N, C-alpha and C. Protein backbone atom coordinates (compact mmCIF):
# COMPACT_ATOMS: atom_id res chain seq x y z
N UNK A 1 0.92 -1.09 0.04
CA UNK A 1 0.02 0.01 0.04
C UNK A 1 0.95 1.18 -0.03
N UNK A 2 0.81 2.31 -0.88
CA UNK A 2 1.17 3.39 -0.71
C UNK A 2 0.94 4.22 0.30
N UNK A 3 2.07 5.22 0.69
CA UNK A 3 1.65 6.11 1.76
C UNK A 3 0.43 6.88 1.49
N UNK A 4 0.17 7.40 0.57
CA UNK A 4 -1.01 8.16 0.41
C UNK A 4 -2.31 7.35 0.47
N UNK A 5 -2.10 6.04 0.10
CA UNK A 5 -3.47 5.22 0.25
C UNK A 5 -3.50 4.88 1.81
N UNK A 6 -2.33 4.70 2.53
CA UNK A 6 -2.68 4.56 3.82
C UNK A 6 -3.24 5.73 4.56
N UNK A 7 -2.66 7.00 4.20
CA UNK A 7 -3.42 8.25 4.66
C UNK A 7 -4.87 8.26 4.38
N UNK A 8 -5.27 8.05 3.06
CA UNK A 8 -6.60 7.84 2.74
C UNK A 8 -7.54 7.15 3.88
N UNK A 9 -7.03 5.91 3.96
CA UNK A 9 -7.73 4.94 4.87
C UNK A 9 -7.87 5.38 6.44
N UNK A 10 -7.03 6.17 6.65
CA UNK A 10 -7.02 6.56 8.14
C UNK A 10 -7.35 8.01 8.58
N UNK A 11 -7.45 8.81 7.71
CA UNK A 11 -7.72 10.28 7.77
C UNK A 11 -8.84 10.64 8.40
N UNK A 12 -10.15 9.90 8.19
CA UNK A 12 -11.39 10.13 8.54
C UNK A 12 -11.40 9.89 10.12
N UNK A 13 -10.82 8.74 10.42
CA UNK A 13 -10.89 8.36 11.72
C UNK A 13 -9.98 9.20 12.51
N UNK A 14 -8.78 9.89 11.94
CA UNK A 14 -8.15 10.83 12.64
C UNK A 14 -8.81 12.18 12.90
N UNK A 15 -9.53 12.75 11.96
CA UNK A 15 -10.44 13.77 12.06
C UNK A 15 -11.29 13.59 13.18
N UNK A 16 -12.07 12.44 13.20
CA UNK A 16 -12.90 12.19 14.31
C UNK A 16 -12.40 12.25 15.61
N UNK A 17 -11.34 11.61 15.65
CA UNK A 17 -10.46 11.58 16.80
C UNK A 17 -10.26 13.30 17.41
N UNK A 18 -10.01 14.10 16.61
CA UNK A 18 -9.98 15.56 17.16
C UNK A 18 -11.29 15.95 17.62
N UNK A 19 -12.43 15.66 16.96
CA UNK A 19 -13.59 16.07 17.10
C UNK A 19 -14.02 15.27 18.66
N UNK A 20 -13.78 14.02 19.00
CA UNK A 20 -14.40 13.44 19.94
C UNK A 20 -13.20 13.61 21.01
N UNK A 21 -11.80 13.58 20.76
CA UNK A 21 -10.85 13.55 22.13
C UNK A 21 -9.93 14.44 21.88
N UNK A 22 -9.90 15.30 20.90
CA UNK A 22 -8.94 16.74 20.76
C UNK A 22 -7.58 16.02 20.53
N UNK A 23 -7.44 15.17 20.02
CA UNK A 23 -5.94 14.55 19.35
C UNK A 23 -5.94 15.12 18.21
N UNK A 24 -4.65 15.95 17.70
CA UNK A 24 -4.67 16.62 16.30
C UNK A 24 -4.68 15.23 15.40
N UNK A 25 -5.39 15.54 14.24
CA UNK A 25 -5.40 14.44 13.10
C UNK A 25 -4.05 14.31 12.35
N UNK A 26 -3.18 15.23 12.34
CA UNK A 26 -1.81 14.94 11.84
C UNK A 26 -1.16 14.24 12.62
N UNK A 27 -1.18 14.22 14.16
CA UNK A 27 -0.55 13.62 15.05
C UNK A 27 -1.02 12.20 15.07
N UNK A 28 -2.00 11.89 14.81
CA UNK A 28 -2.54 10.43 14.84
C UNK A 28 -2.19 9.71 13.49
N UNK A 29 -2.33 10.50 12.40
CA UNK A 29 -2.15 9.94 11.12
C UNK A 29 -0.55 9.46 11.14
N UNK A 30 0.52 10.49 11.59
CA UNK A 30 1.83 10.20 11.72
C UNK A 30 2.16 9.18 12.64
N UNK A 31 1.56 8.96 13.74
CA UNK A 31 1.88 8.07 14.96
C UNK A 31 1.37 6.72 14.11
N UNK A 32 0.21 6.78 13.68
CA UNK A 32 -0.05 5.50 12.86
C UNK A 32 0.99 4.95 11.82
N UNK A 33 1.37 5.98 11.10
CA UNK A 33 2.40 5.56 9.99
C UNK A 33 3.63 5.05 10.61
N UNK A 34 4.26 5.97 11.67
CA UNK A 34 5.41 5.49 12.08
C UNK A 34 5.46 3.94 12.95
N UNK A 35 4.35 4.05 13.69
CA UNK A 35 4.29 2.87 14.54
C UNK A 35 3.88 1.55 13.83
N UNK A 36 3.27 1.63 12.57
CA UNK A 36 2.80 0.49 11.99
C UNK A 36 3.64 0.27 10.66
N UNK A 37 4.29 1.14 10.45
CA UNK A 37 5.38 0.94 9.01
C UNK A 37 4.58 1.19 7.84
N UNK A 38 3.53 2.28 8.19
CA UNK A 38 2.55 2.55 7.05
C UNK A 38 1.41 1.27 6.86
N UNK A 39 1.21 0.73 8.15
CA UNK A 39 0.27 -0.31 8.20
C UNK A 39 0.82 -1.78 7.68
N UNK A 40 2.09 -1.85 7.48
CA UNK A 40 2.88 -2.99 7.01
C UNK A 40 3.31 -3.87 8.24
N UNK A 41 3.36 -3.54 9.37
CA UNK A 41 3.86 -4.01 10.37
C UNK A 41 2.93 -5.54 10.75
N UNK A 42 3.48 -6.50 11.23
CA UNK A 42 2.74 -7.63 11.96
C UNK A 42 1.69 -7.28 12.90
N UNK A 43 1.81 -6.26 13.66
CA UNK A 43 1.02 -5.81 14.83
C UNK A 43 -0.01 -5.07 13.88
N UNK A 44 -0.05 -4.29 12.94
CA UNK A 44 -0.87 -3.33 12.27
C UNK A 44 -1.94 -4.61 11.38
N UNK A 45 -1.27 -5.58 10.93
CA UNK A 45 -2.07 -6.45 10.09
C UNK A 45 -3.21 -7.27 10.87
N UNK A 46 -4.08 -7.92 10.07
CA UNK A 46 -5.04 -8.96 10.50
C UNK A 46 -4.32 -10.06 11.13
N UNK A 47 -4.70 -10.58 12.42
CA UNK A 47 -5.93 -10.15 13.10
C UNK A 47 -5.69 -9.17 14.51
N UNK A 48 -4.63 -8.44 14.23
CA UNK A 48 -4.30 -7.60 15.47
C UNK A 48 -4.75 -6.05 15.29
N UNK A 49 -4.50 -5.73 14.14
CA UNK A 49 -5.10 -4.30 13.88
C UNK A 49 -4.58 -2.94 14.77
N UNK A 50 -3.44 -3.20 15.08
CA UNK A 50 -2.94 -2.08 16.19
C UNK A 50 -1.98 -1.39 15.13
N UNK A 51 -2.23 -0.07 15.08
CA UNK A 51 -1.70 0.66 14.29
C UNK A 51 -0.64 1.73 15.14
N UNK A 52 -0.92 1.76 16.47
CA UNK A 52 -0.23 2.73 17.22
C UNK A 52 0.72 2.12 18.26
N UNK A 53 0.87 0.65 18.16
CA UNK A 53 1.85 0.05 19.04
C UNK A 53 1.46 0.30 20.37
N UNK A 54 0.15 0.31 20.83
CA UNK A 54 -0.38 0.51 22.10
C UNK A 54 -0.39 -0.83 22.79
N UNK A 55 0.41 -0.87 24.12
CA UNK A 55 0.70 -1.96 24.84
C UNK A 55 -0.58 -2.01 25.72
N UNK A 56 -0.77 -3.37 26.05
CA UNK A 56 -1.90 -3.67 27.00
C UNK A 56 -1.90 -3.33 28.28
N UNK A 57 -2.41 -2.54 28.77
CA UNK A 57 -2.20 -2.20 30.32
C UNK A 57 -3.27 -2.69 31.17
N UNK A 58 -3.08 -2.76 32.39
CA UNK A 58 -4.02 -3.36 33.51
C UNK A 58 -5.60 -2.63 33.23
N UNK A 59 -5.69 -1.75 32.53
CA UNK A 59 -7.03 -1.16 32.28
C UNK A 59 -7.52 -1.66 31.08
N UNK A 60 -6.94 -2.39 30.11
CA UNK A 60 -7.23 -3.20 28.96
C UNK A 60 -8.06 -4.51 29.18
N UNK A 61 -9.19 -4.61 28.76
CA UNK A 61 -9.83 -5.90 28.70
C UNK A 61 -10.12 -6.77 27.61
N UNK A 62 -9.43 -6.06 26.61
CA UNK A 62 -9.68 -6.90 25.12
C UNK A 62 -8.62 -7.95 25.03
N UNK A 63 -8.69 -8.57 23.83
CA UNK A 63 -7.58 -9.49 23.48
C UNK A 63 -6.26 -8.82 23.26
N UNK A 64 -5.25 -9.56 23.64
CA UNK A 64 -3.79 -9.11 23.35
C UNK A 64 -2.88 -10.06 22.63
N UNK A 65 -1.82 -9.55 22.16
CA UNK A 65 -0.92 -10.44 21.55
C UNK A 65 0.59 -10.20 22.03
N UNK A 66 1.39 -11.07 22.43
CA UNK A 66 2.72 -10.80 22.80
C UNK A 66 3.42 -10.66 21.62
N UNK A 67 4.49 -9.59 21.52
CA UNK A 67 5.31 -9.34 20.46
C UNK A 67 6.64 -8.89 20.77
N UNK A 68 7.72 -9.04 19.99
CA UNK A 68 8.65 -8.29 20.43
C UNK A 68 8.77 -6.99 19.84
N UNK A 69 9.62 -5.77 20.74
CA UNK A 69 9.43 -4.43 20.33
C UNK A 69 10.82 -3.90 20.82
N UNK A 70 11.17 -2.94 20.11
CA UNK A 70 12.24 -1.91 20.39
C UNK A 70 11.90 -1.00 21.45
N UNK A 71 12.92 -0.86 22.41
CA UNK A 71 12.77 0.09 23.26
C UNK A 71 14.10 0.81 23.52
N UNK A 72 13.99 1.93 24.22
CA UNK A 72 15.28 2.91 24.31
C UNK A 72 15.31 3.26 25.82
N UNK A 73 16.54 3.06 26.33
CA UNK A 73 16.76 3.87 27.65
C UNK A 73 18.35 4.57 27.63
N UNK A 74 18.29 5.63 28.28
CA UNK A 74 19.73 6.30 28.33
C UNK A 74 20.88 5.53 28.61
N UNK A 75 20.55 4.54 29.67
CA UNK A 75 21.57 3.47 30.08
C UNK A 75 21.92 2.52 29.20
N UNK A 76 20.87 1.98 28.31
CA UNK A 76 21.23 0.72 27.48
C UNK A 76 21.14 1.01 26.16
N UNK A 77 20.61 2.38 25.52
CA UNK A 77 20.50 2.55 24.27
C UNK A 77 19.34 1.74 23.70
N UNK A 78 19.08 1.27 22.61
CA UNK A 78 18.38 0.72 22.04
C UNK A 78 18.31 -0.89 22.43
N UNK A 79 17.17 -1.48 22.68
CA UNK A 79 17.21 -2.90 23.15
C UNK A 79 15.97 -3.44 22.91
N UNK A 80 15.76 -4.78 22.91
CA UNK A 80 14.56 -5.57 22.56
C UNK A 80 13.79 -6.14 23.93
N UNK A 81 12.30 -5.99 23.69
CA UNK A 81 11.70 -6.81 25.03
C UNK A 81 10.61 -7.52 24.31
N UNK A 82 9.93 -8.26 25.08
CA UNK A 82 8.54 -8.78 24.44
C UNK A 82 7.40 -8.21 25.48
N UNK A 83 6.31 -7.85 24.58
CA UNK A 83 5.33 -6.95 25.51
C UNK A 83 4.04 -7.49 24.94
N UNK A 84 3.05 -7.45 25.64
CA UNK A 84 1.63 -7.71 25.36
C UNK A 84 1.21 -6.44 24.90
N UNK A 85 0.52 -6.63 23.57
CA UNK A 85 -0.06 -5.38 22.83
C UNK A 85 -1.46 -5.75 22.70
N UNK A 86 -2.08 -4.33 22.53
CA UNK A 86 -3.72 -4.55 22.59
C UNK A 86 -3.82 -5.15 20.86
N UNK A 87 -4.97 -5.88 20.87
CA UNK A 87 -5.61 -6.35 19.51
C UNK A 87 -6.93 -5.70 19.24
N UNK A 88 -7.08 -4.98 18.09
CA UNK A 88 -8.42 -4.51 17.85
C UNK A 88 -9.24 -5.06 16.68
N UNK A 89 -10.31 -4.81 16.21
CA UNK A 89 -11.31 -5.64 15.43
C UNK A 89 -11.12 -5.10 13.94
N UNK A 90 -10.50 -3.70 13.80
CA UNK A 90 -10.15 -3.22 12.52
C UNK A 90 -9.42 -2.00 12.76
N UNK A 91 -8.63 -1.49 11.81
CA UNK A 91 -8.11 -0.20 11.85
C UNK A 91 -9.10 1.13 12.38
N UNK A 92 -10.26 0.85 12.00
CA UNK A 92 -11.06 2.06 12.39
C UNK A 92 -11.26 2.04 13.92
N UNK A 93 -11.37 0.79 14.66
CA UNK A 93 -11.42 0.43 15.97
C UNK A 93 -10.09 1.01 16.41
N UNK A 94 -8.99 0.74 16.00
CA UNK A 94 -7.61 1.08 16.58
C UNK A 94 -7.53 2.65 16.47
N UNK A 95 -7.89 3.16 15.45
CA UNK A 95 -8.07 4.57 15.35
C UNK A 95 -8.77 5.14 16.52
N UNK A 96 -9.73 4.83 16.68
CA UNK A 96 -10.96 5.25 17.72
C UNK A 96 -10.34 5.23 19.12
N UNK A 97 -9.80 4.03 19.38
CA UNK A 97 -9.16 3.59 20.64
C UNK A 97 -7.93 4.49 20.93
N UNK A 98 -7.13 4.86 19.77
CA UNK A 98 -6.09 5.74 20.18
C UNK A 98 -6.57 6.99 20.58
N UNK A 99 -7.72 7.66 20.45
CA UNK A 99 -7.96 9.02 20.89
C UNK A 99 -8.32 8.52 22.39
N UNK A 100 -9.20 7.66 22.72
CA UNK A 100 -9.88 7.21 23.76
C UNK A 100 -8.49 6.85 24.98
N UNK A 101 -7.35 6.31 24.31
CA UNK A 101 -6.17 5.85 25.23
C UNK A 101 -5.89 7.02 25.98
N UNK A 102 -5.92 8.35 25.41
CA UNK A 102 -5.28 9.34 26.12
C UNK A 102 -6.21 10.00 27.23
N UNK A 103 -7.36 9.56 27.12
CA UNK A 103 -8.52 10.27 27.93
C UNK A 103 -9.25 9.25 28.79
N UNK A 104 -9.13 8.03 28.84
CA UNK A 104 -9.83 7.03 29.44
C UNK A 104 -9.57 6.64 30.80
N UNK A 105 -8.45 7.23 31.33
CA UNK A 105 -8.32 7.22 32.76
C UNK A 105 -7.96 8.64 33.42
N UNK A 106 -8.04 8.79 34.69
CA UNK A 106 -7.80 10.10 35.30
C UNK A 106 -6.32 10.51 34.97
N UNK A 107 -5.53 9.39 35.29
CA UNK A 107 -4.07 9.33 35.25
C UNK A 107 -3.75 9.82 33.82
N UNK A 108 -4.22 9.23 32.84
CA UNK A 108 -3.93 9.60 31.16
C UNK A 108 -4.20 10.91 31.00
N UNK A 109 -5.38 11.45 31.40
CA UNK A 109 -5.82 12.56 31.09
C UNK A 109 -5.02 13.54 31.85
N UNK A 110 -4.51 13.45 32.86
CA UNK A 110 -3.50 14.29 33.51
C UNK A 110 -1.96 14.00 32.62
N UNK A 111 -1.61 12.82 32.50
CA UNK A 111 -0.38 12.83 32.00
C UNK A 111 -0.27 13.26 30.48
N UNK A 112 -1.48 13.41 29.69
CA UNK A 112 -1.50 13.66 28.44
C UNK A 112 -1.88 15.01 28.05
N UNK A 113 -2.17 15.71 29.28
CA UNK A 113 -2.82 17.11 29.17
C UNK A 113 -2.22 18.12 28.34
N UNK A 114 -1.01 17.91 27.97
CA UNK A 114 -0.31 18.87 26.97
C UNK A 114 -0.45 18.44 25.58
N UNK A 115 -1.08 17.21 25.39
CA UNK A 115 -1.39 16.70 24.14
C UNK A 115 -2.72 16.98 23.51
N UNK A 116 -3.80 16.62 24.67
CA UNK A 116 -4.99 16.89 24.38
C UNK A 116 -5.33 18.41 24.03
N UNK A 117 -5.96 18.62 22.85
CA UNK A 117 -6.23 19.66 22.76
C UNK A 117 -5.27 20.93 22.13
N UNK A 118 -3.92 20.41 22.03
CA UNK A 118 -2.86 21.09 21.54
C UNK A 118 -3.10 21.38 20.06
N UNK A 119 -2.94 22.57 19.54
CA UNK A 119 -3.37 22.84 18.09
C UNK A 119 -2.27 22.93 17.02
N UNK A 120 -0.89 22.87 17.77
CA UNK A 120 0.45 22.96 17.11
C UNK A 120 0.73 21.56 17.03
N UNK A 121 1.24 20.89 16.00
CA UNK A 121 1.42 19.31 15.80
C UNK A 121 3.05 19.35 16.26
N UNK A 122 3.82 20.52 16.31
CA UNK A 122 5.40 20.24 16.78
C UNK A 122 5.35 19.91 18.27
N UNK A 123 4.45 21.13 18.93
CA UNK A 123 4.40 21.01 20.49
C UNK A 123 3.58 19.72 20.96
N UNK A 124 2.55 19.18 20.20
CA UNK A 124 2.00 17.80 20.85
C UNK A 124 3.07 16.77 20.30
N UNK A 125 3.95 16.74 19.25
CA UNK A 125 4.93 15.68 19.22
C UNK A 125 5.66 15.59 20.12
N UNK A 126 6.26 16.88 20.84
CA UNK A 126 6.97 16.65 21.76
C UNK A 126 6.47 16.45 23.07
N UNK A 127 5.29 17.02 23.23
CA UNK A 127 4.74 16.40 24.51
C UNK A 127 4.33 15.18 24.65
N UNK A 128 4.12 14.41 23.56
CA UNK A 128 3.96 12.86 23.32
C UNK A 128 5.12 12.33 24.13
N UNK A 129 6.32 12.87 23.41
CA UNK A 129 7.65 12.28 24.06
C UNK A 129 7.85 12.63 25.58
N UNK A 130 7.62 13.64 26.22
CA UNK A 130 7.72 14.22 27.35
C UNK A 130 6.85 13.17 28.07
N UNK A 131 5.43 12.98 27.91
CA UNK A 131 4.64 12.22 28.82
C UNK A 131 5.03 10.66 28.86
N UNK A 132 6.17 10.28 27.95
CA UNK A 132 6.35 8.98 27.85
C UNK A 132 5.66 7.96 27.11
N UNK A 133 5.07 8.50 25.88
CA UNK A 133 4.21 7.69 25.09
C UNK A 133 5.14 6.79 24.18
N UNK A 134 6.59 7.29 23.98
CA UNK A 134 7.52 6.57 23.26
C UNK A 134 8.78 6.55 23.98
N UNK A 135 9.66 5.83 24.15
CA UNK A 135 11.07 5.87 24.55
C UNK A 135 11.99 6.42 23.51
N UNK A 136 11.80 6.38 22.31
CA UNK A 136 12.57 6.78 21.17
C UNK A 136 13.01 8.24 21.56
N UNK A 137 14.21 8.73 21.79
CA UNK A 137 14.40 10.17 21.78
C UNK A 137 14.01 10.98 20.74
N UNK A 138 14.21 10.31 19.61
CA UNK A 138 13.87 11.12 17.99
C UNK A 138 12.56 10.79 17.67
N UNK A 139 11.52 10.47 18.56
CA UNK A 139 10.16 10.24 18.12
C UNK A 139 9.48 11.54 17.81
N UNK A 140 9.58 12.73 18.52
CA UNK A 140 8.94 14.11 18.06
C UNK A 140 9.39 14.23 16.63
N UNK A 141 10.61 14.21 16.45
CA UNK A 141 11.17 14.69 15.02
C UNK A 141 10.79 13.56 13.87
N UNK A 142 10.64 12.56 14.24
CA UNK A 142 10.10 11.37 13.33
C UNK A 142 8.56 11.99 13.02
N UNK A 143 7.71 12.23 13.87
CA UNK A 143 6.66 12.58 13.82
C UNK A 143 6.32 13.78 12.97
N UNK A 144 7.10 14.89 13.27
CA UNK A 144 7.20 16.25 12.46
C UNK A 144 7.72 15.85 11.08
N UNK A 145 8.56 15.11 10.85
CA UNK A 145 9.04 15.04 9.46
C UNK A 145 7.98 14.09 8.68
N UNK A 146 7.27 13.12 9.30
CA UNK A 146 6.08 12.72 8.37
C UNK A 146 5.13 13.51 8.21
N UNK A 147 4.73 14.32 9.34
CA UNK A 147 3.47 15.54 9.14
C UNK A 147 3.99 16.47 7.96
N UNK A 148 5.13 16.85 7.95
CA UNK A 148 5.53 17.91 6.93
C UNK A 148 5.77 17.16 5.58
N UNK A 149 6.30 15.99 5.40
CA UNK A 149 6.47 15.45 4.20
C UNK A 149 5.28 15.22 3.55
N UNK A 150 4.26 14.77 4.28
CA UNK A 150 2.86 14.18 3.59
C UNK A 150 1.79 15.28 3.96
N UNK A 151 2.39 16.71 4.17
CA UNK A 151 1.12 17.51 4.42
C UNK A 151 0.16 17.35 5.36
N UNK A 152 0.34 16.46 6.42
CA UNK A 152 -0.83 16.12 7.25
C UNK A 152 -1.45 17.15 8.09
N UNK A 153 -0.85 18.24 8.16
CA UNK A 153 -1.49 19.30 8.82
C UNK A 153 -2.71 20.19 8.19
N UNK A 154 -2.97 19.66 6.90
CA UNK A 154 -4.01 20.07 6.33
C UNK A 154 -5.45 19.49 6.96
N UNK A 155 -5.18 18.33 7.32
CA UNK A 155 -6.38 17.57 8.33
C UNK A 155 -6.50 18.14 9.47
N UNK A 156 -5.47 18.94 10.36
CA UNK A 156 -5.82 19.55 11.33
C UNK A 156 -6.65 20.78 11.05
N UNK A 157 -6.25 21.48 9.93
CA UNK A 157 -7.07 22.84 9.65
C UNK A 157 -8.62 22.37 9.31
N UNK A 158 -8.69 21.27 8.37
CA UNK A 158 -9.99 20.72 8.14
C UNK A 158 -10.91 20.50 9.39
N UNK A 159 -10.17 19.85 10.45
CA UNK A 159 -10.74 19.27 11.73
C UNK A 159 -11.17 20.29 12.24
N UNK A 160 -10.33 21.32 12.67
CA UNK A 160 -10.72 22.71 13.35
C UNK A 160 -11.80 23.72 12.86
N UNK A 161 -11.49 23.75 11.12
CA UNK A 161 -12.54 24.45 10.54
C UNK A 161 -13.88 23.68 10.47
N UNK A 162 -13.95 22.39 10.48
CA UNK A 162 -15.17 21.74 10.54
C UNK A 162 -16.01 21.65 11.55
């Protein structure tokens, strides 16, 4: 699948995510692209449909799959671990749950408070990293590069104008 075809499949759900949860569409689309390898990762494909690499925490009651994932720490650098990831019924379900993830507990509402409602994608990307969404120190830059290369900020404007 081409990058534009992937964007076309997820953009409507990302715009809905702004309207329901106040997560910028450009951030949602860029995260889905980065985390899933543009929909090509094993985790993103059937039967898992997890576009965002969201792990199964104690509040998740749905199905899970154990997979190897790369992490980063200042003391170890990049390393691999096995983790339980959420399994969704479709990409649309994954996108809807992405917005819910940031707001479905009081801890997350507080932890991601600088992401929710943020209208500047560069700020939102950095605040995702600051809040611990990803361990990769280059995560914000990777998101911004995807957003700018594919003009994903156009969906932010459409969501805010609509």
